[in-house]
Amino acid sequence: MSDGPETQLASGALEELRFQRYRLTLPNEGATRLFDGRLIYLGSAPDNDFVVDHPTVSRTHARLEFDGTGFLLRDLQSKNGTWIDGVRVHEGYVPATARIRLGHADVAFSLDEQAVEVQLARSDRFGRLIGRSAQMREIFALLPRLARADVSVLVEGESGTGKELVAEAIQAHSRRAQKPLVIFDCSAVSPELIESELFGHVKGAFTGAIANRAGVFEAADGGTLFLDEIGELPLELQPKLLRALEKGEFKPVGDNSRRVADVRVIAATNRQLDREVEAGNFREDLYYRLAVIKVRLPPLRRRPEDIPLLVETFLAAAGATDVQVGYETMRRLQAHPWPGNVRELKNYVERAVVLAENGRLETRHLSSRSIKQEPAVQEVGDGARALLSVDYDLPFKDAKQRLLEVFETRYWTRLLDDTGGNISEAARRGGIHRKSLEYVVKKLDLKGELKGDG
């Protein structure tokens, strides 16, 4: 997602990667899934590629991908750790057959005999979409083919990932490029008016219809109609949309005659529409008519390697190429969860440029949610040694204070956890008076760790 110049993928600008397939199995449940070497996430949250529903598994626990050397498993600061064949790892390569443990949940890893070839664009942008990650470059390789195909496309992704830019790029490189691209947000119109907005109405069709009015289908004739948030379309209107897609016909509200429009539809949703079908909230026949091809845009938190390029692009668009981004600041931006995705990052850069002091971007200008911090003390293996992560972009006193606060929090959280929340025992082990620890608990807001002294 970008405000930069549009670029077209050059002919032949593709590379092919060959990925060995592998299986992940939950032994206790017998559930098995087949993956290739593309990046996947494992955790207890339902949006992970491989869901491990266990109380000791973090929401986003680990990531696994083929990095050119082997299958690299990386722990994502999980609470209860990650193991490969009994060895705790921050990151490590998984052998051909292995037992992965997330917290206290076992996952069996085994290579499959088959391999899959994946095409990636060499370019780091297509239209106004930007990214160097394999996920985005795979999408960039697909979009030119979608532009030529003239079939319906369903774009899935969280808000702010750039779904509208996908429609824009497909339209711009299709035979309909000189025709209109009409954008309609199904969630922005009341259910009573949405049929009129889609198909138009004739004078007198309802109270307030003082003249004939064309809908977005008629306005997009010859071009492309982008239906954003298609999952919000009322169930009773879905058969009419299905007919318009299949027959190219629609009937304005209050009119007895049908009209014809040559329209390519690209729909988008931030829901998992196949699950909405299973729940009875979306028609199965309409789903398959819309999802001839599906494009899934990854959230920004799942492609942090794209953030430096995006920041550079947004700085250039803001005319602020002289603004510096320190190493520590960039590291924090890449660790931030970005609930608003690329849109939130763009807003942050624009805001931070205005508020920048000494020509440097600072993460304190992030809004809504605080930056996700990597711990200042990271445990390596099962030993007691620790690595200190220092914020070199801050003045000495501020960096020292932040480091001490993070250390205190982790130290006392660990002791309270080890003692079952017993503040007296934790104070004894830490070598301080109980009253002193009570003060620390209050200062650091660690009350959630307390379970009484009984």
Protein backbone atom coordinates (compact mmCIF):
# COMPACT_ATOMS: atom_id res chain seq x y z
CA MET A 1 0.00 0.00 0.00
CA SER A 2 1.58 3.26 -1.07
CA ASP A 3 1.10 6.70 -2.51
CA GLY A 4 4.15 6.25 -4.73
CA PRO A 5 4.22 6.01 -8.52
CA GLU A 6 2.52 3.11 -10.24
CA THR A 7 4.84 0.53 -11.79
CA GLN A 8 4.01 -2.37 -14.06
CA LEU A 9 5.60 -5.78 -13.67
CA ALA A 10 7.98 -6.27 -16.58
CA SER A 11 7.57 -9.32 -18.78
CA GLY A 12 9.76 -12.20 -17.59
CA ALA A 13 10.49 -10.50 -14.26
CA LEU A 14 9.73 -13.67 -12.31
CA GLU A 15 11.74 -16.17 -10.34
CA GLU A 16 10.73 -19.70 -9.43
CA LEU A 17 11.31 -21.19 -6.01
CA ARG A 18 10.99 -24.87 -5.28
CA PHE A 19 9.66 -25.74 -1.83
CA GLN A 20 9.70 -29.16 -0.23
CA ARG A 21 6.37 -29.97 1.33
CA TYR A 22 6.05 -31.08 4.95
CA ARG A 23 3.40 -32.23 7.37
CA LEU A 24 2.52 -30.91 10.81
CA THR A 25 0.56 -33.26 13.03
CA LEU A 26 -1.00 -32.90 16.47
CA PRO A 27 -0.39 -36.43 17.82
CA ASN A 28 -3.04 -36.21 20.54
CA GLU A 29 -5.72 -35.16 18.06
CA GLY A 30 -4.56 -36.91 14.91
CA ALA A 31 -4.98 -33.65 12.98
CA THR A 32 -2.54 -33.31 10.07
CA ARG A 33 -1.95 -30.46 7.62
CA LEU A 34 0.31 -30.28 4.59
CA PHE A 35 2.43 -27.16 4.03
CA ASP A 36 5.18 -26.01 1.71
CA GLY A 37 8.17 -23.86 2.64
CA ARG A 38 6.33 -20.58 2.58
CA LEU A 39 6.13 -18.70 5.86
CA ILE A 40 3.54 -19.97 8.33
CA TYR A 41 2.63 -19.00 11.89
CA LEU A 42 1.81 -21.39 14.71
CA GLY A 43 -0.14 -20.49 17.84
CA SER A 44 -3.41 -20.70 19.71
CA ALA A 45 -5.13 -17.77 17.96
CA PRO A 46 -7.54 -18.81 15.18
CA ASP A 47 -5.82 -16.62 12.56
CA ASN A 48 -2.63 -18.71 12.65
CA ASP A 49 -1.82 -20.99 9.73
CA PHE A 50 -1.50 -23.94 12.13
CA VAL A 51 -3.65 -23.61 15.24
CA VAL A 52 -2.54 -25.37 18.42
CA ASP A 53 -5.35 -24.98 20.94
CA HIS A 54 -3.56 -25.48 24.25
CA PRO A 55 -3.42 -23.29 27.38
CA THR A 56 0.41 -23.21 27.35
CA VAL A 57 0.62 -22.06 23.71
CA SER A 58 0.86 -18.31 23.07
CA ARG A 59 -1.53 -16.65 20.65
CA THR A 60 1.22 -16.26 18.06
CA HIS A 61 3.85 -18.65 19.36
CA ALA A 62 6.31 -19.35 16.52
CA ARG A 63 6.95 -19.04 12.81
CA LEU A 64 8.28 -21.64 10.39
CA GLU A 65 9.66 -21.16 6.89
CA PHE A 66 12.25 -22.43 4.44
CA ASP A 67 15.05 -19.82 4.35
CA GLY A 68 17.15 -21.33 1.55
CA THR A 69 19.19 -23.48 3.93
CA GLY A 70 16.52 -25.42 5.76
CA PHE A 71 13.26 -25.18 7.66
CA LEU A 72 13.84 -22.47 10.25
CA LEU A 73 11.62 -22.42 13.35
CA ARG A 74 11.64 -19.16 15.32
CA ASP A 75 10.08 -18.56 18.72
CA LEU A 76 8.12 -15.29 18.84
CA GLN A 77 8.73 -14.34 22.47
CA SER A 78 6.29 -16.99 23.64
CA LYS A 79 5.57 -17.29 27.35
CA ASN A 80 6.35 -21.00 27.63
CA GLY A 81 9.05 -21.54 25.02
CA THR A 82 9.69 -23.59 21.88
CA TRP A 83 11.61 -26.87 21.60
CA ILE A 84 13.02 -28.99 18.76
CA ASP A 85 13.59 -32.61 19.79
CA GLY A 86 13.84 -31.65 23.45
CA VAL A 87 16.18 -28.67 23.00
CA ARG A 88 14.80 -25.23 23.77
CA VAL A 89 15.47 -22.78 20.95
CA HIS A 90 15.00 -19.13 20.10
CA GLU A 91 15.44 -20.22 16.51
CA GLY A 92 16.73 -23.39 14.95
CA TYR A 93 16.56 -25.66 11.92
CA VAL A 94 14.09 -28.54 12.01
CA PRO A 95 15.40 -31.94 10.82
CA ALA A 96 13.50 -34.11 8.33
CA THR A 97 11.61 -35.82 11.14
CA ALA A 98 11.26 -33.98 14.41
CA ARG A 99 9.16 -33.35 17.49
CA ILE A 100 8.38 -29.68 17.97
CA ARG A 101 7.03 -28.58 21.34
CA LEU A 102 5.17 -25.32 21.80
CA GLY A 103 4.77 -24.77 25.53
CA HIS A 104 3.58 -28.22 26.60
CA ALA A 105 1.92 -29.13 23.27
CA ASP A 106 3.64 -31.53 20.89
CA VAL A 107 3.64 -31.08 17.11
CA ALA A 108 5.15 -33.71 14.81
CA PHE A 109 7.13 -32.45 11.78
CA SER A 110 7.88 -34.69 8.79
CA LEU A 111 9.05 -33.94 5.26
CA ASP A 112 6.81 -35.02 2.40
CA GLU A 113 8.07 -36.58 -0.82
CA GLN A 114 6.44 -33.94 -3.00
CA ALA A 115 7.69 -30.44 -3.77
CA VAL A 116 5.89 -27.37 -5.09
CA GLU A 117 7.15 -24.61 -7.38
CA VAL A 118 6.14 -21.04 -6.58
CA GLN A 119 6.54 -18.01 -8.84
CA LEU A 120 7.66 -14.75 -7.24
CA ALA A 121 7.94 -11.36 -8.91
CA ARG A 122 11.42 -9.87 -8.83
CA SER A 123 9.88 -6.43 -8.45
CA ASP A 124 9.04 -5.10 -4.99
CA ARG A 125 5.86 -3.36 -6.14
CA PHE A 126 2.86 -3.72 -8.41
CA GLY A 127 0.65 -0.70 -8.96
CA ARG A 128 0.65 1.04 -5.58
CA LEU A 129 1.19 -2.18 -3.63
CA ILE A 130 4.65 -2.47 -2.10
CA GLY A 131 6.60 -5.30 -0.49
CA ARG A 132 9.83 -7.28 -0.68
CA SER A 133 8.51 -10.24 1.29
CA ALA A 134 7.90 -13.54 -0.46
CA GLN A 135 4.18 -13.29 0.39
CA MET A 136 3.80 -9.98 -1.45
CA ARG A 137 6.03 -10.92 -4.40
CA GLU A 138 3.96 -14.07 -4.90
CA ILE A 139 0.88 -11.84 -5.09
CA PHE A 140 2.65 -9.50 -7.53
CA ALA A 141 3.35 -12.48 -9.78
CA LEU A 142 -0.32 -13.47 -9.70
CA LEU A 143 -1.97 -10.07 -10.30
CA PRO A 144 -0.97 -9.61 -13.98
CA ARG A 145 -2.59 -12.95 -14.79
CA LEU A 146 -5.73 -11.91 -12.93
CA ALA A 147 -5.79 -8.65 -14.86
CA ARG A 148 -5.81 -10.56 -18.15
CA ALA A 149 -8.34 -13.20 -17.06
CA ASP A 150 -11.39 -10.92 -16.56
CA VAL A 151 -12.89 -13.23 -13.91
CA SER A 152 -14.37 -12.40 -10.52
CA VAL A 153 -11.82 -12.04 -7.73
CA LEU A 154 -12.28 -12.18 -3.96
CA VAL A 155 -9.66 -10.25 -1.98
CA GLU A 156 -9.36 -11.26 1.67
CA GLY A 157 -7.44 -9.39 4.34
CA GLU A 158 -7.68 -7.30 7.46
CA SER A 159 -8.62 -3.62 7.29
CA GLY A 160 -5.75 -1.49 6.07
CA THR A 161 -3.88 -4.22 4.18
CA GLY A 162 -4.54 -2.69 0.75
CA LYS A 163 -7.51 -4.61 -0.66
CA GLU A 164 -8.70 -1.60 -2.65
CA LEU A 165 -5.21 -1.22 -4.13
CA VAL A 166 -5.43 -4.80 -5.43
CA ALA A 167 -8.62 -3.91 -7.31
CA GLU A 168 -7.00 -0.72 -8.55
CA ALA A 169 -3.93 -2.59 -9.84
CA ILE A 170 -5.99 -5.31 -11.55
CA GLN A 171 -8.18 -2.70 -13.25
CA ALA A 172 -5.19 -0.62 -14.37
CA HIS A 173 -3.56 -3.59 -16.13
CA SER A 174 -6.73 -5.08 -17.64
CA ARG A 175 -8.54 -4.52 -20.92
CA ARG A 176 -10.97 -2.38 -18.91
CA ALA A 177 -8.27 0.11 -17.89
CA GLN A 178 -9.85 3.00 -19.83
CA LYS A 179 -13.28 2.32 -18.33
CA PRO A 180 -14.47 3.32 -14.85
CA LEU A 181 -13.44 1.69 -11.59
CA VAL A 182 -16.41 2.17 -9.26
CA ILE A 183 -15.90 1.56 -5.54
CA PHE A 184 -18.81 0.61 -3.30
CA ASP A 185 -18.55 -0.10 0.43
CA CYS A 186 -21.31 -2.51 1.46
CA SER A 187 -20.83 -1.61 5.12
CA ALA A 188 -21.28 2.14 4.61
CA VAL A 189 -24.92 2.07 3.45
CA SER A 190 -28.01 1.23 5.50
CA PRO A 191 -29.71 -2.08 4.62
CA GLU A 192 -32.81 -0.16 3.45
CA LEU A 193 -30.86 1.73 0.78
CA ILE A 194 -28.25 -0.76 -0.34
CA GLU A 195 -30.37 -2.28 -3.13
CA SER A 196 -30.97 1.16 -4.59
CA GLU A 197 -27.26 1.99 -4.34
CA LEU A 198 -26.34 -1.21 -6.15
CA PHE A 199 -28.98 -1.34 -8.87
CA GLY A 200 -30.49 2.16 -8.91
CA HIS A 201 -34.14 3.17 -8.67
CA VAL A 202 -36.85 4.87 -10.67
CA LYS A 203 -38.76 7.97 -9.70
CA GLY A 204 -41.43 7.22 -7.08
CA ALA A 205 -40.00 3.83 -6.13
CA PHE A 206 -40.02 4.85 -2.46
CA THR A 207 -40.41 7.94 -0.33
CA GLY A 208 -37.71 10.39 -1.32
CA ALA A 209 -37.12 8.89 -4.79
CA ILE A 210 -37.84 12.16 -6.61
CA ALA A 211 -35.95 11.18 -9.77
CA ASN A 212 -34.47 8.22 -11.59
CA ARG A 213 -31.04 7.31 -10.23
CA ALA A 214 -28.42 4.93 -11.59
CA GLY A 215 -26.77 2.43 -9.24
CA VAL A 216 -23.13 1.40 -9.13
CA PHE A 217 -23.67 -1.53 -11.53
CA GLU A 218 -24.85 0.84 -14.24
CA ALA A 219 -22.12 3.36 -13.40
CA ALA A 220 -19.46 0.65 -13.80
CA ASP A 221 -20.72 -0.57 -17.21
CA GLY A 222 -17.72 -1.63 -19.28
CA GLY A 223 -15.40 -1.31 -16.31
CA THR A 224 -14.82 -2.78 -12.88
CA LEU A 225 -16.96 -2.71 -9.75
CA PHE A 226 -15.12 -3.07 -6.45
CA LEU A 227 -17.49 -4.30 -3.74
CA ASP A 228 -15.73 -3.67 -0.44
CA GLU A 229 -16.82 -5.49 2.74
CA ILE A 230 -18.98 -7.89 0.73
CA GLY A 231 -19.56 -9.93 3.89
CA GLU A 232 -21.85 -7.14 5.13
CA LEU A 233 -24.29 -7.57 2.23
CA PRO A 234 -27.74 -8.52 3.63
CA LEU A 235 -28.68 -12.14 2.98
CA GLU A 236 -31.93 -11.17 1.23
CA LEU A 237 -30.03 -9.14 -1.39
CA GLN A 238 -27.50 -11.82 -2.21
CA PRO A 239 -29.68 -13.64 -4.82
CA LYS A 240 -30.04 -10.37 -6.76
CA LEU A 241 -26.29 -9.83 -6.75
CA LEU A 242 -25.80 -13.44 -7.87
CA ARG A 243 -28.12 -12.88 -10.85
CA ALA A 244 -26.29 -9.70 -11.78
CA LEU A 245 -23.00 -11.60 -11.76
CA GLU A 246 -24.23 -14.63 -13.67
CA LYS A 247 -26.55 -12.97 -16.20
CA GLY A 248 -25.18 -9.44 -16.32
CA GLU A 249 -28.74 -8.32 -15.60
CA PHE A 250 -30.23 -6.23 -12.83
CA LYS A 251 -33.52 -4.52 -12.07
CA PRO A 252 -33.62 -1.03 -10.53
CA VAL A 253 -35.87 -0.64 -7.50
CA GLY A 254 -39.42 0.12 -8.66
CA ASP A 255 -38.76 -0.85 -12.28
CA ASN A 256 -40.38 -3.86 -13.97
CA SER A 257 -37.80 -4.18 -16.73
CA ARG A 258 -34.29 -5.55 -16.45
CA ARG A 259 -31.17 -3.76 -17.60
CA VAL A 260 -27.86 -5.12 -18.79
CA ALA A 261 -24.35 -4.12 -17.73
CA ASP A 262 -20.93 -5.51 -18.67
CA VAL A 263 -19.15 -5.36 -15.33
CA ARG A 264 -16.20 -7.18 -13.81
CA VAL A 265 -16.64 -7.57 -10.06
CA ILE A 266 -13.81 -7.62 -7.55
CA ALA A 267 -15.06 -8.16 -4.00
CA ALA A 268 -13.23 -7.75 -0.72
CA THR A 269 -13.81 -8.76 2.87
CA ASN A 270 -12.04 -8.70 6.22
CA ARG A 271 -14.02 -11.77 7.26
CA GLN A 272 -13.32 -15.42 6.53
CA LEU A 273 -16.16 -15.73 4.06
CA ASP A 274 -16.02 -19.52 3.82
CA ARG A 275 -16.79 -19.67 7.54
CA GLU A 276 -19.66 -17.23 7.03
CA VAL A 277 -21.02 -19.70 4.46
CA GLU A 278 -20.77 -22.54 6.99
CA ALA A 279 -22.57 -20.39 9.56
CA GLY A 280 -25.40 -19.65 7.11
CA ASN A 281 -24.64 -15.93 6.93
CA PHE A 282 -23.55 -15.93 3.29
CA ARG A 283 -24.91 -17.84 0.29
CA GLU A 284 -22.66 -20.64 -0.88
CA ASP A 285 -23.50 -20.12 -4.57
CA LEU A 286 -22.65 -16.42 -4.38
CA TYR A 287 -19.42 -17.19 -2.55
CA TYR A 288 -18.22 -19.50 -5.32
CA ARG A 289 -19.29 -17.01 -7.99
CA LEU A 290 -17.26 -14.26 -6.34
CA ALA A 291 -14.26 -16.39 -5.37
CA VAL A 292 -13.29 -17.67 -8.81
CA ILE A 293 -9.81 -16.56 -7.73
CA LYS A 294 -8.93 -15.63 -4.15
CA VAL A 295 -6.15 -13.26 -3.14
CA ARG A 296 -5.22 -13.25 0.53
CA LEU A 297 -3.32 -10.16 1.71
CA PRO A 298 -1.15 -10.83 4.76
CA PRO A 299 -1.38 -8.47 7.74
CA LEU A 300 1.62 -6.18 8.19
CA ARG A 301 2.66 -7.92 11.42
CA ARG A 302 3.21 -11.07 9.33
CA ARG A 303 5.60 -9.35 6.90
CA PRO A 304 7.84 -7.10 9.04
CA GLU A 305 10.61 -7.28 6.43
CA ASP A 306 8.47 -4.97 4.26
CA ILE A 307 8.36 -2.17 6.83
CA PRO A 308 11.71 -0.48 5.95
CA LEU A 309 10.69 -0.16 2.29
CA LEU A 310 7.22 1.09 3.22
CA VAL A 311 8.64 3.68 5.62
CA GLU A 312 11.10 4.84 2.96
CA THR A 313 8.26 5.17 0.45
CA PHE A 314 6.01 7.10 2.83
CA LEU A 315 8.86 9.43 3.80
CA ALA A 316 9.49 10.17 0.12
CA ALA A 317 5.78 10.81 -0.46
CA ALA A 318 5.82 13.26 2.46
CA GLY A 319 8.87 15.05 1.04
CA ALA A 320 10.89 14.02 4.08
CA THR A 321 13.73 11.99 2.62
CA ASP A 322 16.16 13.75 4.99
CA VAL A 323 14.37 12.37 8.07
CA GLN A 324 16.43 9.60 9.65
CA VAL A 325 15.16 6.33 11.07
CA GLY A 326 17.47 4.83 13.69
CA TYR A 327 18.18 1.13 13.93
CA GLU A 328 16.35 0.78 17.24
CA THR A 329 13.34 2.73 15.96
CA MET A 330 13.09 0.50 12.89
CA ARG A 331 13.42 -2.60 15.05
CA ARG A 332 10.52 -1.42 17.17
CA LEU A 333 8.41 -0.58 14.15
CA GLN A 334 9.00 -4.11 12.89
CA ALA A 335 7.96 -5.51 16.29
CA HIS A 336 4.78 -3.44 16.50
CA PRO A 337 1.55 -5.45 15.92
CA TRP A 338 0.05 -2.79 13.57
CA PRO A 339 -3.65 -3.54 14.11
CA GLY A 340 -4.41 -0.96 11.40
CA ASN A 341 -1.84 -2.54 9.07
CA VAL A 342 -0.26 -0.48 6.27
CA ARG A 343 -2.80 2.31 6.70
CA GLU A 344 -1.73 2.71 10.33
CA LEU A 345 1.96 2.70 9.36
CA LYS A 346 1.34 5.39 6.74
CA ASN A 347 -0.53 7.54 9.25
CA TYR A 348 2.27 7.05 11.77
CA VAL A 349 4.95 8.17 9.31
CA GLU A 350 2.98 11.27 8.30
CA ARG A 351 2.37 12.18 11.95
CA ALA A 352 5.94 11.43 13.04
CA VAL A 353 7.39 13.58 10.24
CA VAL A 354 5.43 16.59 11.50
CA LEU A 355 6.42 15.94 15.13
CA ALA A 356 10.00 14.81 14.44
CA GLU A 357 12.71 16.44 16.53
CA ASN A 358 16.31 16.67 15.29
CA GLY A 359 15.21 15.11 12.00
CA ARG A 360 14.58 11.64 13.46
CA LEU A 361 11.49 9.45 13.51
CA GLU A 362 10.48 8.31 17.01
CA THR A 363 8.19 5.48 18.04
CA ARG A 364 6.62 7.58 20.81
CA HIS A 365 4.47 9.14 18.10
CA LEU A 366 2.58 5.88 17.62
CA SER A 367 -1.07 6.24 18.59
CA SER A 368 -3.87 3.99 19.84
CA ARG A 369 -1.76 1.09 21.05
CA SER A 370 1.69 1.18 22.59
CA ILE A 371 4.58 -0.24 20.63
CA LYS A 372 5.13 -3.94 21.11
CA GLN A 373 8.47 -4.21 22.88
CA GLU A 374 10.90 -7.04 22.62
CA PRO A 375 12.01 -7.88 26.14
CA ALA A 376 15.14 -6.05 27.27
CA VAL A 377 16.28 -9.39 28.70
CA GLN A 378 15.96 -12.42 26.45
CA GLU A 379 16.55 -15.91 27.79
CA VAL A 380 18.75 -18.03 25.57
CA GLY A 381 18.26 -21.79 25.85
CA ASP A 382 17.55 -23.06 29.36
CA GLY A 383 20.52 -21.37 31.01
CA ALA A 384 20.55 -18.41 33.35
CA ARG A 385 22.53 -16.15 31.04
CA ALA A 386 20.72 -13.29 29.35
CA LEU A 387 21.26 -10.90 26.46
CA LEU A 388 20.56 -7.22 27.07
CA SER A 389 18.79 -5.30 24.32
CA VAL A 390 19.60 -1.59 24.70
CA ASP A 391 17.74 1.26 22.96
CA TYR A 392 20.64 3.23 21.47
CA ASP A 393 18.30 5.80 19.91
CA LEU A 394 17.45 7.21 23.36
CA PRO A 395 19.58 9.45 25.59
CA PHE A 396 21.65 7.48 28.14
CA LYS A 397 19.44 8.25 31.15
CA ASP A 398 16.22 7.36 29.32
CA ALA A 399 17.67 4.17 27.84
CA LYS A 400 18.98 3.11 31.26
CA GLN A 401 15.64 3.81 32.96
CA ARG A 402 13.70 1.85 30.34
CA LEU A 403 16.10 -1.08 30.60
CA LEU A 404 15.79 -1.14 34.40
CA GLU A 405 11.99 -1.02 34.23
CA VAL A 406 11.84 -3.93 31.80
CA PHE A 407 14.37 -5.89 33.88
CA GLU A 408 12.41 -5.29 37.10
CA THR A 409 9.16 -6.32 35.45
CA ARG A 410 10.57 -9.55 34.02
CA TYR A 411 12.51 -10.44 37.16
CA TRP A 412 9.62 -10.07 39.58
CA THR A 413 7.07 -11.52 37.16
CA ARG A 414 9.25 -14.63 36.90
CA LEU A 415 9.67 -14.95 40.69
CA LEU A 416 5.98 -14.41 41.35
CA ASP A 417 5.16 -16.96 38.67
CA ASP A 418 7.62 -19.48 40.17
CA THR A 419 6.14 -19.00 43.65
CA GLY A 420 2.53 -19.26 42.52
CA GLY A 421 1.93 -15.58 43.25
CA ASN A 422 3.09 -15.84 46.88
CA ILE A 423 4.48 -12.37 47.58
CA SER A 424 6.23 -13.36 50.83
CA GLU A 425 8.09 -16.25 49.18
CA ALA A 426 8.98 -14.14 46.12
CA ALA A 427 10.37 -11.40 48.38
CA ARG A 428 12.42 -13.98 50.32
CA ARG A 429 13.89 -15.43 47.12
CA GLY A 430 14.62 -11.97 45.79
CA GLY A 431 16.34 -10.92 48.98
CA ILE A 432 14.13 -7.90 49.75
CA HIS A 433 11.55 -7.05 52.38
CA ARG A 434 7.93 -7.97 51.67
CA LYS A 435 6.87 -4.31 51.95
CA SER A 436 9.46 -3.38 49.33
CA LEU A 437 8.09 -5.98 46.95
CA GLU A 438 4.54 -4.76 47.59
CA TYR A 439 5.71 -1.31 46.48
CA VAL A 440 7.35 -2.77 43.36
CA VAL A 441 4.19 -4.74 42.53
CA LYS A 442 2.12 -1.57 42.78
CA LYS A 443 4.63 0.51 40.79
CA LEU A 444 4.92 -2.03 37.98
CA ASP A 445 1.23 -3.02 38.07
CA LEU A 446 1.97 -6.69 38.69
CA LYS A 447 -1.19 -7.33 40.73
CA GLY A 448 -2.35 -9.86 38.16
CA GLU A 449 0.56 -12.09 39.18
CA LEU A 450 -0.60 -12.30 42.82
CA LYS A 451 -2.60 -15.29 44.01
CA GLY A 452 -2.38 -14.79 47.75
CA ASP A 453 -0.02 -16.19 50.35
CA GLY A 454 -2.13 -19.15 51.33
